[in-house]
C-alpha atoms as a PDB file:
ATOM      1  CA  MET A   1      11.141 -32.888  30.458  1.00  0.00           C
ATOM      2  CA  LEU A   2      11.474 -29.882  28.125  1.00  0.00           C
ATOM      3  CA  ASP A   3      12.092 -30.331  24.447  1.00  0.00           C
ATOM      4  CA  GLY A   4      15.156 -28.838  22.839  1.00  0.00           C
ATOM      5  CA  GLY A   5      16.752 -27.364  25.810  1.00  0.00           C
ATOM      6  CA  ALA A   6      13.908 -24.817  26.299  1.00  0.00           C
ATOM      7  CA  GLN A   7      14.019 -22.888  29.563  1.00  0.00           C
ATOM      8  CA  PHE A   8      11.093 -21.073  31.355  1.00  0.00           C
ATOM      9  CA  GLU A   9      11.716 -17.411  32.146  1.00  0.00           C
ATOM     10  CA  ILE A  10      12.113 -16.737  35.879  1.00  0.00           C
ATOM     11  CA  PHE A  11      10.772 -13.072  35.456  1.00  0.00           C
ATOM     12  CA  PRO A  12       8.374 -13.131  32.449  1.00  0.00           C
ATOM     13  CA  THR A  13       7.835  -9.827  30.541  1.00  0.00           C
ATOM     14  CA  ASP A  14       4.806 -10.989  28.442  1.00  0.00           C
ATOM     15  CA  LEU A  15       1.743 -12.761  29.620  1.00  0.00           C
ATOM     16  CA  HIS A  16      -1.255 -14.004  27.794  1.00  0.00           C
ATOM     17  CA  LEU A  17      -4.220 -14.936  30.021  1.00  0.00           C
ATOM     18  CA  ARG A  18      -7.212 -16.846  28.867  1.00  0.00           C
ATOM     19  CA  ARG A  19     -10.478 -17.574  30.626  1.00  0.00           C
ATOM     20  CA  VAL A  20     -13.205 -19.563  28.803  1.00  0.00           C
ATOM     21  CA  GLU A  21     -16.161 -20.850  30.550  1.00  0.00           C
ATOM     22  CA  PRO A  22     -18.958 -21.597  28.068  1.00  0.00           C
ATOM     23  CA  ALA A  23     -21.636 -22.320  30.807  1.00  0.00           C
ATOM     24  CA  LEU A  24     -21.160 -18.853  32.100  1.00  0.00           C
ATOM     25  CA  ASN A  25     -20.741 -17.229  28.756  1.00  0.00           C
ATOM     26  CA  ILE A  26     -17.242 -15.996  29.717  1.00  0.00           C
ATOM     27  CA  ASN A  27     -14.570 -15.695  26.930  1.00  0.00           C
ATOM     28  CA  ARG A  28     -11.763 -13.340  28.021  1.00  0.00           C
ATOM     29  CA  PHE A  29      -8.220 -12.960  26.584  1.00  0.00           C
ATOM     30  CA  ASN A  30      -5.782 -10.604  28.377  1.00  0.00           C
ATOM     31  CA  ARG A  31      -2.272  -9.516  27.233  1.00  0.00           C
ATOM     32  CA  MET A  32       0.284  -7.871  29.510  1.00  0.00           C
ATOM     33  CA  THR A  33       3.581  -6.615  28.531  1.00  0.00           C
ATOM     34  CA  VAL A  34       6.596  -4.933  30.236  1.00  0.00           C
ATOM     35  CA  GLN A  35       8.419  -2.495  27.822  1.00  0.00           C
ATOM     36  CA  ARG A  36      11.243  -0.005  28.303  1.00  0.00           C
ATOM     37  CA  ASN A  37      10.274   3.567  27.631  1.00  0.00           C
ATOM     38  CA  LEU A  38      12.167   5.598  25.180  1.00  0.00           C
ATOM     39  CA  PHE A  39      13.899   7.882  27.585  1.00  0.00           C
ATOM     40  CA  GLU A  40      13.831   6.264  31.141  1.00  0.00           C
ATOM     41  CA  GLY A  41      11.605   4.043  33.122  1.00  0.00           C
ATOM     42  CA  THR A  42       9.579   0.966  32.149  1.00  0.00           C
ATOM     43  CA  SER A  43       5.914   0.656  31.284  1.00  0.00           C
ATOM     44  CA  LEU A  44       3.353  -2.211  32.138  1.00  0.00           C
ATOM     45  CA  ILE A  45       0.888  -2.295  29.274  1.00  0.00           C
ATOM     46  CA  TRP A  46      -2.326  -4.321  29.800  1.00  0.00           C
ATOM     47  CA  ARG A  47      -5.143  -4.693  27.255  1.00  0.00           C
ATOM     48  CA  ARG A  48      -8.082  -6.994  26.729  1.00  0.00           C
ATOM     49  CA  VAL A  49      -7.648  -8.724  23.232  1.00  0.00           C
ATOM     50  CA  GLY A  50     -10.591  -8.291  20.942  1.00  0.00           C
ATOM     51  CA  THR A  51     -11.878  -4.872  22.330  1.00  0.00           C
ATOM     52  CA  ALA A  52     -10.830  -1.554  20.684  1.00  0.00           C
ATOM     53  CA  GLY A  53      -9.441   1.115  22.978  1.00  0.00           C
ATOM     54  CA  ARG A  54      -9.332  -0.747  26.289  1.00  0.00           C
ATOM     55  CA  GLN A  55      -5.700  -0.382  27.228  1.00  0.00           C
ATOM     56  CA  ARG A  56      -4.023   0.509  30.634  1.00  0.00           C
ATOM     57  CA  ILE A  57      -0.482   1.769  30.794  1.00  0.00           C
ATOM     58  CA  ASP A  58       1.336   2.089  34.152  1.00  0.00           C
ATOM     59  CA  VAL A  59       4.759   3.601  34.187  1.00  0.00           C
ATOM     60  CA  HIS A  60       7.406   2.370  36.773  1.00  0.00           C
ATOM     61  CA  ILE A  61      10.871   3.574  37.806  1.00  0.00           C
ATOM     62  CA  ASP A  62      12.686   0.449  36.750  1.00  0.00           C
ATOM     63  CA  GLU A  63      11.945  -3.029  35.223  1.00  0.00           C
ATOM     64  CA  GLY A  64      11.877  -4.924  38.448  1.00  0.00           C
ATOM     65  CA  ARG A  65       9.038  -2.859  39.779  1.00  0.00           C
ATOM     66  CA  ALA A  66       7.104  -3.326  36.463  1.00  0.00           C
ATOM     67  CA  ILE A  67       7.515  -7.142  36.579  1.00  0.00           C
ATOM     68  CA  SER A  68       6.271  -7.143  40.219  1.00  0.00           C
ATOM     69  CA  ALA A  69       3.273  -5.116  39.115  1.00  0.00           C
ATOM     70  CA  LEU A  70       2.685  -7.452  36.284  1.00  0.00           C
ATOM     71  CA  MET A  71       2.604 -10.484  38.575  1.00  0.00           C
ATOM     72  CA  ALA A  72       0.252  -8.678  40.964  1.00  0.00           C
ATOM     73  CA  LEU A  73      -2.046  -7.933  38.117  1.00  0.00           C
ATOM     74  CA  ALA A  74      -1.823 -11.510  36.733  1.00  0.00           C
ATOM     75  CA  ARG A  75      -2.874 -12.865  40.158  1.00  0.00           C
ATOM     76  CA  GLN A  76      -5.751 -10.365  40.276  1.00  0.00           C
ATOM     77  CA  LYS A  77      -7.051 -11.325  36.783  1.00  0.00           C
END
């Protein structure tokens, strides 16, 4: 049961992914965010936390397509 009436998002706009496997020396942290652009459209921003300059920005027509791309990228990662 959820505490305090909290509710999960059906369509998340922020994801924080973490993969830690000490036996394989894998320690990865990814952050993906959907943000509206200043004029029109929506961007999906993906970056690996802890590395400088590694960022990917994909521009989409609307927020729905950006969220679909976010979920596809999350499944891939």
